Each structure stands twice: as structure tokens, then as C-alpha cells.
Amino acid sequence: MVFSLDTEAIEAKYSFVGQRTYHPKLLLSVLFYGYATGVRSSRKIEVRCLSDHIFHYLMQCYTPDHRTISDFRKNNLRAIEKYFVDIVRIFSKLGYTRVGKIYSVS
């Protein structure tokens, strides 16, 4: 679902100079999946990216550290809030009624 969002607002902040970064859609994916499954801590998300196959899949085998996740969340809070609302609206239109486990359809 995250890959259908327009993340141009976040991507525009990235620079082509310096160290390579994680694509914002990858970080948004693990953040939103973490929120949906009750994993909100950056440190716990970091551990899950190493040990949980779904987090590992969402990050496409990359393993960001907790600081990267935390900084991404802190630096893009307004955009993340908007994307979260957009995703909830999309799921609502698709008939998903529960907020918790977003893969269960009523």
C-alpha cells in the first residue's frame, strides 16, 4: 500500500551528495507495519528487521539501525501523519474495518 503513495515531499529532502540512504517508502512500510502490529519503538523495529521475516521483506533485506528509523520519523512527522491517514482511508474504502491487524477483512 505504501508504494502507491506519493512520497515526493519526503524524497525532495534527500540529497544526492553523501552517503546512500534508505528509500522513504521502505522506512514508511516498516513504520506502518510496526504501528499495525504494536511495534512502535525504533529499537524494536530495528531488531524485527533482523529477526522477523515480514519486516525483513518490507525493508527488502536492508537493516536500518534504530537511529535511522528514529531520525526518519522525527524529521518527517507531519508527512507520516498524512500518509497514515491516507492509508487508513484507503483500507476503509477496501472494506477493512479493524485498525490493528490490517490484513484481516470483515
C-alpha atoms as a PDB file:
ATOM      1  CA  MET A   1       0.000   0.000   0.000  1.00  0.00           C
ATOM      2  CA  VAL A   2       2.824   2.403   0.869  1.00  0.00           C
ATOM      3  CA  PHE A   3       4.344   2.111  -2.590  1.00  0.00           C
ATOM      4  CA  SER A   4       1.159   3.592  -4.082  1.00  0.00           C
ATOM      5  CA  LEU A   5       1.590   6.794  -2.034  1.00  0.00           C
ATOM      6  CA  ASP A   6       3.167   9.925  -3.459  1.00  0.00           C
ATOM      7  CA  THR A   7       6.204  10.431  -1.211  1.00  0.00           C
ATOM      8  CA  GLU A   8       7.660  13.306  -3.221  1.00  0.00           C
ATOM      9  CA  ALA A   9       7.515  15.609  -0.167  1.00  0.00           C
ATOM     10  CA  ILE A  10       9.936  13.374   1.729  1.00  0.00           C
ATOM     11  CA  GLU A  11      12.046  12.432  -1.284  1.00  0.00           C
ATOM     12  CA  ALA A  12      12.649  16.115  -2.088  1.00  0.00           C
ATOM     13  CA  LYS A  13      14.526  16.456   1.224  1.00  0.00           C
ATOM     14  CA  TYR A  14      17.098  13.862   0.185  1.00  0.00           C
ATOM     15  CA  SER A  15      20.442  14.970  -1.227  1.00  0.00           C
ATOM     16  CA  PHE A  16      22.404  13.247  -3.965  1.00  0.00           C
ATOM     17  CA  VAL A  17      25.633  14.135  -2.166  1.00  0.00           C
ATOM     18  CA  GLY A  18      26.960  11.980   0.667  1.00  0.00           C
ATOM     19  CA  GLN A  19      26.076   8.584   1.998  1.00  0.00           C
ATOM     20  CA  ARG A  20      23.414   6.416   0.354  1.00  0.00           C
ATOM     21  CA  THR A  21      20.087   6.348   2.147  1.00  0.00           C
ATOM     22  CA  TYR A  22      17.118   4.037   2.534  1.00  0.00           C
ATOM     23  CA  HIS A  23      14.199   4.844   0.286  1.00  0.00           C
ATOM     24  CA  PRO A  24      11.454   6.575   2.296  1.00  0.00           C
ATOM     25  CA  LYS A  25       8.844   4.062   1.139  1.00  0.00           C
ATOM     26  CA  LEU A  26      10.833   1.243   2.747  1.00  0.00           C
ATOM     27  CA  LEU A  27      11.025   3.082   6.067  1.00  0.00           C
ATOM     28  CA  LEU A  28       7.351   4.049   5.880  1.00  0.00           C
ATOM     29  CA  SER A  29       6.469   0.404   5.244  1.00  0.00           C
ATOM     30  CA  VAL A  30       8.176  -0.861   8.391  1.00  0.00           C
ATOM     31  CA  LEU A  31       6.870   2.036  10.469  1.00  0.00           C
ATOM     32  CA  PHE A  32       3.263   1.444   9.417  1.00  0.00           C
ATOM     33  CA  TYR A  33       3.536  -2.318   9.759  1.00  0.00           C
ATOM     34  CA  GLY A  34       5.083  -1.789  13.162  1.00  0.00           C
ATOM     35  CA  TYR A  35       2.222   0.503  14.180  1.00  0.00           C
ATOM     36  CA  ALA A  36      -0.339  -2.031  12.917  1.00  0.00           C
ATOM     37  CA  THR A  37       1.246  -4.860  14.903  1.00  0.00           C
ATOM     38  CA  GLY A  38       2.032  -2.923  18.082  1.00  0.00           C
ATOM     39  CA  VAL A  39       5.774  -2.461  17.480  1.00  0.00           C
ATOM     40  CA  ARG A  40       6.393   1.271  17.832  1.00  0.00           C
ATOM     41  CA  SER A  41       9.871   1.542  19.292  1.00  0.00           C
ATOM     42  CA  SER A  42      12.678   2.296  16.840  1.00  0.00           C
ATOM     43  CA  ARG A  43      14.898  -0.175  18.668  1.00  0.00           C
ATOM     44  CA  LYS A  44      12.286  -2.922  18.454  1.00  0.00           C
ATOM     45  CA  ILE A  45      11.719  -2.204  14.763  1.00  0.00           C
ATOM     46  CA  GLU A  46      15.484  -2.485  14.220  1.00  0.00           C
ATOM     47  CA  VAL A  47      15.512  -5.903  15.908  1.00  0.00           C
ATOM     48  CA  ARG A  48      12.472  -7.006  13.926  1.00  0.00           C
ATOM     49  CA  CYS A  49      14.171  -6.007  10.654  1.00  0.00           C
ATOM     50  CA  LEU A  50      16.836  -8.564  11.568  1.00  0.00           C
ATOM     51  CA  SER A  51      14.669 -11.322  13.019  1.00  0.00           C
ATOM     52  CA  ASP A  52      11.122 -11.079  11.607  1.00  0.00           C
ATOM     53  CA  HIS A  53      10.669 -12.205   8.018  1.00  0.00           C
ATOM     54  CA  ILE A  54       7.867  -9.716   7.303  1.00  0.00           C
ATOM     55  CA  PHE A  55       9.890  -6.704   8.465  1.00  0.00           C
ATOM     56  CA  HIS A  56      12.871  -8.133   6.595  1.00  0.00           C
ATOM     57  CA  TYR A  57      10.757  -8.429   3.438  1.00  0.00           C
ATOM     58  CA  LEU A  58       9.323  -4.917   3.779  1.00  0.00           C
ATOM     59  CA  MET A  59      12.840  -3.471   4.055  1.00  0.00           C
ATOM     60  CA  GLN A  60      13.949  -5.575   1.056  1.00  0.00           C
ATOM     61  CA  CYS A  61      16.674  -7.226   3.161  1.00  0.00           C
ATOM     62  CA  TYR A  62      18.127  -3.902   4.343  1.00  0.00           C
ATOM     63  CA  THR A  63      18.655  -3.481   8.082  1.00  0.00           C
ATOM     64  CA  PRO A  64      18.412   0.128   9.242  1.00  0.00           C
ATOM     65  CA  ASP A  65      19.586   0.916  12.742  1.00  0.00           C
ATOM     66  CA  HIS A  66      17.273   2.399  15.349  1.00  0.00           C
ATOM     67  CA  ARG A  67      18.781   5.873  14.946  1.00  0.00           C
ATOM     68  CA  THR A  68      17.965   5.922  11.228  1.00  0.00           C
ATOM     69  CA  ILE A  69      14.380   4.875  11.935  1.00  0.00           C
ATOM     70  CA  SER A  70      14.035   7.383  14.757  1.00  0.00           C
ATOM     71  CA  ASP A  71      15.511  10.268  12.751  1.00  0.00           C
ATOM     72  CA  PHE A  72      13.317   9.454   9.758  1.00  0.00           C
ATOM     73  CA  ARG A  73      10.225   9.513  11.959  1.00  0.00           C
ATOM     74  CA  LYS A  74      11.298  12.732  13.725  1.00  0.00           C
ATOM     75  CA  ASN A  75      12.257  14.558  10.527  1.00  0.00           C
ATOM     76  CA  ASN A  76       9.086  13.616   8.641  1.00  0.00           C
ATOM     77  CA  LEU A  77       6.431  13.569  11.334  1.00  0.00           C
ATOM     78  CA  ARG A  78       3.851  15.731   9.514  1.00  0.00           C
ATOM     79  CA  ALA A  79       4.184  13.781   6.275  1.00  0.00           C
ATOM     80  CA  ILE A  80       3.982  10.453   8.114  1.00  0.00           C
ATOM     81  CA  GLU A  81       0.772  11.562   9.827  1.00  0.00           C
ATOM     82  CA  LYS A  82      -0.727  12.482   6.447  1.00  0.00           C
ATOM     83  CA  TYR A  83       0.330   9.173   4.877  1.00  0.00           C
ATOM     84  CA  PHE A  84      -1.087   7.236   7.813  1.00  0.00           C
ATOM     85  CA  VAL A  85      -4.481   8.939   7.396  1.00  0.00           C
ATOM     86  CA  ASP A  86      -4.339   8.259   3.642  1.00  0.00           C
ATOM     87  CA  ILE A  87      -3.660   4.566   4.251  1.00  0.00           C
ATOM     88  CA  VAL A  88      -6.472   4.248   6.797  1.00  0.00           C
ATOM     89  CA  ARG A  89      -8.851   5.856   4.293  1.00  0.00           C
ATOM     90  CA  ILE A  90      -7.748   3.502   1.517  1.00  0.00           C
ATOM     91  CA  PHE A  91      -8.199   0.449   3.743  1.00  0.00           C
ATOM     92  CA  SER A  92     -11.595   1.733   4.855  1.00  0.00           C
ATOM     93  CA  LYS A  93     -12.709   2.031   1.223  1.00  0.00           C
ATOM     94  CA  LEU A  94     -11.481  -1.518   0.616  1.00  0.00           C
ATOM     95  CA  GLY A  95     -13.641  -2.836   3.451  1.00  0.00           C
ATOM     96  CA  TYR A  96     -11.005  -3.290   6.133  1.00  0.00           C
ATOM     97  CA  THR A  97     -12.676  -2.261   9.371  1.00  0.00           C
ATOM     98  CA  ARG A  98     -10.098  -3.071  12.053  1.00  0.00           C
ATOM     99  CA  VAL A  99      -7.152  -0.840  12.758  1.00  0.00           C
ATOM    100  CA  GLY A 100      -4.985  -3.494  14.478  1.00  0.00           C
ATOM    101  CA  LYS A 101      -4.136  -6.278  12.085  1.00  0.00           C
ATOM    102  CA  ILE A 102      -4.681  -4.652   8.745  1.00  0.00           C
ATOM    103  CA  TYR A 103      -4.684  -7.928   6.863  1.00  0.00           C
ATOM    104  CA  SER A 104      -7.950  -9.175   8.379  1.00  0.00           C
ATOM    105  CA  VAL A 105     -11.041  -8.359   6.301  1.00  0.00           C
ATOM    106  CA  SER A 106     -14.521  -8.242   7.819  1.00  0.00           C
END
